[in-house]
Amino acid sequence: MTQPVAAPPLSPLQHKTLSLLRRGGDPVVFAPEFVDAVRADMEQAIAGFAERLGDETVFMSKHRLTTVLGCEAQYLAEDGFAWSIQAAVGQIAHRAIQLMVNWRGDPLPGDLVDEATARVVDDDTSLGDWVGGLSQADLADLRGLAVDKVVKFQECFPPLVPAFAPAVESSVRWPNEGPIVLAGKVDLTIGRPHGAESRKVIVDLKTGRVAPKHREDLRFYALIETLRSGVPPRKLASFYLDAGEPVVEDVVESTLLTAARRTLDAVNADVELRVEGRPPVKRPGHSCRWCHLASDCDEGRAYLTGADADDRSDD
């Protein structure tokens, strides 16, 4: 009789991740009256914005939300995006992790990345067209960086067994249609509501340094999840793969109220700028480093000069 294969032991880092994300203490249940009030306030505010839109529409993603509340000049000028190796790595790695979660057996990270890349090239998207035109050397660079991200994910996370109800690259939106839609694509969700009990954990996979906007991104996702399902998530986690460190936040009422206020401020700014013609406000910051307006923006050049001086002083 064939003996079942024992699951490999968890590493200290995987144990740490599991302990931070697992349920503990009393069940988390939000008052239905609170959830209903958040949805009613959002519906009322969005209806008011819709009256000001005319024939225009608003599709508010986490990137657009962050940008319009940052530098408004950059927000209005954002039509020059071009794919790069760094920009594509996250997309390929996320696709590979999505395959890994649903793959039978124990596939190698390189095989997952190769399959993910082939599927992206077959997609009728700008990324697929761009990846399909890369040289062998550039493809090797892309593959190496994506494999590194998949390996680090495997090192950081325990195996995502079906009982965890894992979902990768999960799309969320609210409302489903209309002139104003809030939407996003969540890197990873674990768990699902049990009746009115909050059990879902929303995870954003990050590289590089901690930034305040990462937490705001997750709160935006928590708001959409609450509006679409009526049950807020239990926890939010920005997981920094390079450092092996999650930044975890419990979802409470103030989390959702703050996200709702920030989202409505962003929609209002979008309407004022694109429809009503309010002049944009320049707010230089870290995004100046990749803004194609920087060469002609006095504020942006001044910020970058100061930032470069600060970087040199740290050497």
Protein backbone atom coordinates (compact mmCIF):
# COMPACT_ATOMS: atom_id res chain seq x y z
CA MET A 1 0.00 0.00 0.00
CA THR A 2 1.39 3.38 -1.04
CA GLN A 3 2.18 5.63 1.90
CA PRO A 4 1.20 9.33 1.60
CA VAL A 5 4.13 11.65 1.03
CA ALA A 6 4.75 13.84 4.08
CA ALA A 7 4.56 17.57 3.52
CA PRO A 8 7.95 19.28 3.84
CA PRO A 9 8.51 21.12 7.13
CA LEU A 10 7.90 24.85 7.16
CA SER A 11 10.87 27.18 7.37
CA PRO A 12 11.06 29.81 10.14
CA LEU A 13 10.05 32.46 7.61
CA GLN A 14 7.04 30.45 6.46
CA HIS A 15 6.03 29.88 10.10
CA LYS A 16 6.27 33.63 10.69
CA THR A 17 4.05 34.39 7.69
CA LEU A 18 1.48 31.83 8.78
CA SER A 19 1.35 33.17 12.33
CA LEU A 20 0.82 36.74 11.12
CA LEU A 21 -1.97 35.89 8.68
CA ARG A 22 -3.90 33.18 10.52
CA ARG A 23 -7.07 33.84 12.49
CA GLY A 24 -6.84 34.31 16.24
CA GLY A 25 -9.00 35.56 19.06
CA ASP A 26 -12.68 36.37 18.69
CA PRO A 27 -14.35 36.17 15.25
CA VAL A 28 -14.33 39.47 13.34
CA VAL A 29 -17.88 40.55 12.49
CA PHE A 30 -18.75 44.07 11.34
CA ALA A 31 -22.14 45.51 12.23
CA PRO A 32 -24.47 45.26 9.20
CA GLU A 33 -25.63 48.81 9.88
CA PHE A 34 -22.07 50.08 9.47
CA VAL A 35 -21.52 48.27 6.17
CA ASP A 36 -24.90 49.48 4.87
CA ALA A 37 -24.04 53.06 5.86
CA VAL A 38 -20.68 52.94 4.04
CA ARG A 39 -22.35 51.63 0.88
CA ALA A 40 -25.17 54.22 1.08
CA ASP A 41 -22.70 57.09 1.54
CA MET A 42 -20.62 55.90 -1.41
CA GLU A 43 -23.69 55.48 -3.63
CA GLN A 44 -24.93 58.97 -2.77
CA ALA A 45 -21.56 60.62 -3.37
CA ILE A 46 -20.98 58.78 -6.66
CA ALA A 47 -24.44 59.75 -7.88
CA GLY A 48 -23.52 63.37 -7.24
CA PHE A 49 -20.26 63.08 -9.14
CA ALA A 50 -22.03 61.35 -12.04
CA GLU A 51 -24.28 64.39 -12.50
CA ARG A 52 -21.14 66.49 -13.13
CA LEU A 53 -19.57 64.09 -15.62
CA GLY A 54 -21.67 64.68 -18.70
CA ASP A 55 -20.64 62.00 -21.20
CA GLU A 56 -17.34 61.26 -19.43
CA THR A 57 -16.59 58.21 -17.29
CA VAL A 58 -14.28 57.54 -14.35
CA PHE A 59 -12.41 54.25 -13.95
CA MET A 60 -10.61 54.55 -10.63
CA SER A 61 -7.81 52.07 -10.00
CA LYS A 62 -5.27 52.16 -7.18
CA HIS A 63 -2.66 53.67 -9.53
CA ARG A 64 -4.97 56.41 -10.77
CA LEU A 65 -6.16 57.12 -7.25
CA THR A 66 -2.62 57.53 -5.93
CA THR A 67 -1.54 59.64 -8.90
CA VAL A 68 -4.45 62.09 -8.87
CA LEU A 69 -3.96 62.65 -5.14
CA GLY A 70 -0.24 63.16 -5.80
CA CYS A 71 0.92 65.26 -8.74
CA GLU A 72 -2.13 66.30 -10.73
CA ALA A 73 0.00 67.48 -13.68
CA GLN A 74 1.48 64.00 -13.98
CA TYR A 75 -2.00 62.48 -13.69
CA LEU A 76 -3.32 64.48 -16.65
CA ALA A 77 -0.23 63.76 -18.76
CA GLU A 78 -0.06 60.00 -18.13
CA ASP A 79 -0.36 58.74 -21.66
CA GLY A 80 3.26 57.85 -22.32
CA PHE A 81 3.57 54.48 -20.58
CA ALA A 82 6.00 52.08 -22.17
CA TRP A 83 6.83 48.55 -21.05
CA SER A 84 10.28 47.85 -19.63
CA ILE A 85 11.98 44.79 -18.12
CA GLN A 86 11.29 46.05 -14.60
CA ALA A 87 7.66 46.83 -15.36
CA ALA A 88 7.10 43.42 -16.93
CA VAL A 89 8.79 41.35 -14.20
CA GLY A 90 5.91 41.75 -11.75
CA GLN A 91 3.34 40.76 -14.35
CA ILE A 92 5.24 37.61 -15.36
CA ALA A 93 5.98 36.64 -11.75
CA HIS A 94 2.36 37.09 -10.70
CA ARG A 95 1.21 34.96 -13.63
CA ALA A 96 3.73 32.29 -12.61
CA ILE A 97 2.52 32.35 -9.00
CA GLN A 98 -1.05 32.04 -10.23
CA LEU A 99 -0.04 28.90 -12.13
CA MET A 100 1.86 27.55 -9.12
CA VAL A 101 -1.14 27.89 -6.77
CA ASN A 102 -3.28 25.78 -9.09
CA TRP A 103 -0.60 23.40 -10.44
CA ARG A 104 -0.67 19.72 -9.47
CA GLY A 105 2.66 18.53 -8.20
CA ASP A 106 5.74 20.58 -7.34
CA PRO A 107 6.79 22.58 -10.43
CA LEU A 108 10.14 24.33 -10.62
CA PRO A 109 10.13 28.15 -10.53
CA GLY A 110 11.83 28.32 -13.92
CA ASP A 111 9.20 26.09 -15.51
CA LEU A 112 6.44 28.26 -14.03
CA VAL A 113 8.02 31.43 -15.38
CA ASP A 114 8.53 29.88 -18.83
CA GLU A 115 4.88 28.80 -18.98
CA ALA A 116 3.71 32.18 -17.71
CA THR A 117 5.81 33.97 -20.33
CA ALA A 118 4.46 31.79 -23.14
CA ARG A 119 0.89 32.49 -22.03
CA VAL A 120 1.52 36.24 -21.84
CA VAL A 121 2.95 36.21 -25.37
CA ASP A 122 -0.17 34.41 -26.58
CA ASP A 123 -2.40 37.05 -24.97
CA ASP A 124 -3.70 39.82 -27.18
CA THR A 125 -2.28 42.58 -24.98
CA SER A 126 0.37 45.29 -25.18
CA LEU A 127 2.52 43.31 -22.74
CA GLY A 128 2.23 40.17 -24.87
CA ASP A 129 3.26 42.08 -27.99
CA TRP A 130 6.19 43.67 -26.15
CA VAL A 131 7.48 40.43 -24.62
CA GLY A 132 7.09 38.67 -27.97
CA GLY A 133 9.46 41.20 -29.54
CA LEU A 134 12.27 40.89 -26.99
CA SER A 135 15.73 39.66 -27.89
CA GLN A 136 17.03 36.44 -26.37
CA ALA A 137 19.24 38.44 -24.00
CA ASP A 138 16.36 40.62 -22.80
CA LEU A 139 14.17 37.53 -22.37
CA ALA A 140 16.92 36.00 -20.25
CA ASP A 141 17.03 39.11 -18.08
CA LEU A 142 13.26 39.05 -17.69
CA ARG A 143 13.25 35.33 -16.88
CA GLY A 144 15.98 35.64 -14.26
CA LEU A 145 14.27 38.48 -12.41
CA ALA A 146 10.87 36.77 -12.53
CA VAL A 147 12.30 33.45 -11.28
CA ASP A 148 13.86 35.34 -8.37
CA LYS A 149 10.44 36.72 -7.38
CA VAL A 150 8.79 33.28 -7.57
CA VAL A 151 11.56 31.69 -5.48
CA LYS A 152 11.22 34.41 -2.84
CA PHE A 153 7.46 33.92 -2.77
CA GLN A 154 7.96 30.20 -2.14
CA GLU A 155 10.46 30.97 0.61
CA CYS A 156 8.10 33.43 2.31
CA PHE A 157 4.75 31.64 2.08
CA PRO A 158 3.68 28.22 3.32
CA PRO A 159 2.10 26.00 0.66
CA LEU A 160 -1.27 27.51 -0.27
CA VAL A 161 -3.45 24.44 0.09
CA PRO A 162 -7.05 24.48 -1.25
CA ALA A 163 -8.44 24.81 2.29
CA PHE A 164 -6.96 28.34 2.37
CA ALA A 165 -9.12 29.28 -0.68
CA PRO A 166 -6.17 31.09 -2.29
CA ALA A 167 -6.81 33.32 -5.31
CA VAL A 168 -4.11 35.08 -7.33
CA GLU A 169 -4.67 38.15 -9.51
CA SER A 170 -8.27 38.38 -8.34
CA SER A 171 -10.25 41.16 -10.05
CA VAL A 172 -12.61 43.26 -7.93
CA ARG A 173 -14.91 46.11 -8.99
CA TRP A 174 -17.84 48.13 -7.72
CA PRO A 175 -20.34 48.94 -9.04
CA ASN A 176 -20.44 46.55 -11.96
CA GLU A 177 -21.44 49.28 -14.41
CA GLY A 178 -22.10 52.99 -14.56
CA PRO A 179 -20.16 56.17 -15.29
CA ILE A 180 -17.96 55.69 -12.20
CA VAL A 181 -16.35 52.34 -11.41
CA LEU A 182 -13.83 51.45 -8.70
CA ALA A 183 -11.66 48.51 -9.73
CA GLY A 184 -8.51 46.63 -8.94
CA LYS A 185 -6.63 43.37 -9.28
CA VAL A 186 -5.49 41.87 -5.99
CA ASP A 187 -2.17 39.98 -5.98
CA LEU A 188 -3.33 37.33 -3.51
CA THR A 189 -6.35 36.65 -1.32
CA ILE A 190 -6.53 33.95 1.33
CA GLY A 191 -9.79 32.79 2.89
CA ARG A 192 -13.38 33.78 2.25
CA PRO A 193 -16.23 35.09 4.41
CA HIS A 194 -18.05 32.65 6.65
CA GLY A 195 -21.54 34.12 6.77
CA ALA A 196 -21.03 37.64 8.11
CA GLU A 197 -17.69 36.73 9.69
CA SER A 198 -14.67 38.40 8.09
CA ARG A 199 -12.07 35.78 7.16
CA LYS A 200 -10.49 37.05 3.94
CA VAL A 201 -6.91 38.36 3.96
CA ILE A 202 -5.79 40.61 1.09
CA VAL A 203 -2.08 40.49 0.24
CA ASP A 204 -0.09 42.79 -2.03
CA LEU A 205 3.31 41.45 -3.10
CA LYS A 206 6.01 44.13 -3.12
CA THR A 207 9.71 44.57 -3.76
CA GLY A 208 11.86 47.45 -2.61
CA ARG A 209 11.17 49.72 0.32
CA VAL A 210 8.09 50.27 2.43
CA ALA A 211 5.99 53.22 1.23
CA PRO A 212 2.85 54.73 2.83
CA LYS A 213 0.94 54.41 -0.44
CA HIS A 214 1.21 50.62 -0.26
CA ARG A 215 -1.00 50.58 2.83
CA GLU A 216 -3.43 52.99 1.15
CA ASP A 217 -3.62 50.69 -1.88
CA LEU A 218 -4.70 47.81 0.33
CA ARG A 219 -7.30 49.94 2.10
CA PHE A 220 -8.74 50.80 -1.31
CA TYR A 221 -9.03 47.08 -2.08
CA ALA A 222 -10.65 46.52 1.33
CA LEU A 223 -13.24 49.18 0.51
CA ILE A 224 -14.10 47.61 -2.86
CA GLU A 225 -14.34 44.15 -1.26
CA THR A 226 -16.71 45.54 1.38
CA LEU A 227 -18.90 47.26 -1.20
CA ARG A 228 -19.09 44.22 -3.52
CA SER A 229 -19.57 41.47 -0.92
CA GLY A 230 -20.99 43.23 2.14
CA VAL A 231 -18.29 41.61 4.30
CA PRO A 232 -15.02 43.49 4.90
CA PRO A 233 -11.75 41.55 4.80
CA ARG A 234 -10.11 40.60 8.09
CA LYS A 235 -6.52 41.65 7.45
CA LEU A 236 -4.40 43.51 4.91
CA ALA A 237 -0.76 42.65 4.27
CA SER A 238 1.91 44.29 2.15
CA PHE A 239 4.49 41.52 1.76
CA TYR A 240 8.00 42.72 0.86
CA LEU A 241 9.57 39.71 -0.83
CA ASP A 242 13.14 41.03 -0.94
CA ALA A 243 13.16 41.55 2.84
CA GLY A 244 10.86 38.65 3.72
CA GLU A 245 8.77 41.06 5.80
CA PRO A 246 5.00 41.56 5.82
CA VAL A 247 3.39 44.77 7.07
CA VAL A 248 0.04 43.56 8.42
CA GLU A 249 -2.97 45.66 9.38
CA ASP A 250 -6.24 44.56 10.95
CA VAL A 251 -9.29 45.95 9.17
CA VAL A 252 -11.44 48.11 11.48
CA GLU A 253 -14.21 50.61 10.81
CA SER A 254 -11.78 53.55 10.54
CA THR A 255 -9.84 51.65 7.85
CA LEU A 256 -12.87 51.63 5.59
CA LEU A 257 -13.99 55.17 6.43
CA THR A 258 -10.52 56.52 5.62
CA ALA A 259 -10.44 54.58 2.35
CA ALA A 260 -13.90 55.86 1.39
CA ARG A 261 -12.94 59.49 2.05
CA ARG A 262 -9.69 59.14 0.09
CA THR A 263 -11.47 57.46 -2.82
CA LEU A 264 -14.17 60.13 -3.03
CA ASP A 265 -11.50 62.86 -2.88
CA ALA A 266 -9.78 61.19 -5.84
CA VAL A 267 -12.99 60.93 -7.88
CA ASN A 268 -13.78 64.56 -7.14
CA ALA A 269 -10.29 65.65 -8.23
CA ASP A 270 -10.61 63.61 -11.45
CA VAL A 271 -13.93 65.29 -12.28
CA GLU A 272 -12.56 68.76 -11.51
CA LEU A 273 -9.45 68.22 -13.64
CA ARG A 274 -10.74 66.31 -16.66
CA VAL A 275 -14.30 67.59 -16.92
CA GLU A 276 -14.48 70.96 -15.21
CA GLY A 277 -11.07 72.21 -16.30
CA ARG A 278 -9.47 73.08 -12.96
CA PRO A 279 -5.74 73.77 -13.44
CA PRO A 280 -3.63 70.91 -12.06
CA VAL A 281 -1.52 71.28 -8.92
CA LYS A 282 2.09 70.12 -9.18
CA ARG A 283 3.20 68.05 -6.20
CA PRO A 284 6.78 66.84 -6.74
CA GLY A 285 7.73 63.55 -5.14
CA HIS A 286 9.28 60.15 -5.76
CA SER A 287 7.26 59.67 -8.95
CA CYS A 288 9.26 62.50 -10.55
CA ARG A 289 11.98 59.92 -11.18
CA TRP A 290 9.95 58.29 -13.96
CA CYS A 291 7.68 61.16 -15.02
CA HIS A 292 8.16 62.13 -18.65
CA LEU A 293 7.32 65.75 -17.75
CA ALA A 294 10.31 66.06 -15.39
CA SER A 295 12.70 67.55 -17.95
CA ASP A 296 10.39 70.56 -18.46
CA CYS A 297 9.09 70.83 -14.89
CA ASP A 298 10.92 73.27 -12.60
CA GLU A 299 9.36 71.78 -9.49
CA GLY A 300 10.26 68.26 -10.55
CA ARG A 301 13.87 69.13 -11.42
CA ALA A 302 14.31 70.90 -8.09
CA TYR A 303 12.94 67.89 -6.23
CA LEU A 304 15.20 65.46 -8.10
CA THR A 305 18.27 67.61 -7.48
CA GLY A 306 17.55 67.60 -3.77
CA ALA A 307 16.75 63.88 -3.73
CA ASP A 308 19.98 63.02 -5.54
CA ALA A 309 21.93 65.16 -3.03
CA ASP A 310 20.26 63.28 -0.16
CA ASP A 311 21.15 59.93 -1.76
CA ARG A 312 24.82 60.98 -2.10
CA SER A 313 24.93 62.08 1.54
CA ASP A 314 23.86 58.56 2.56
CA ASP A 315 26.77 56.93 0.70
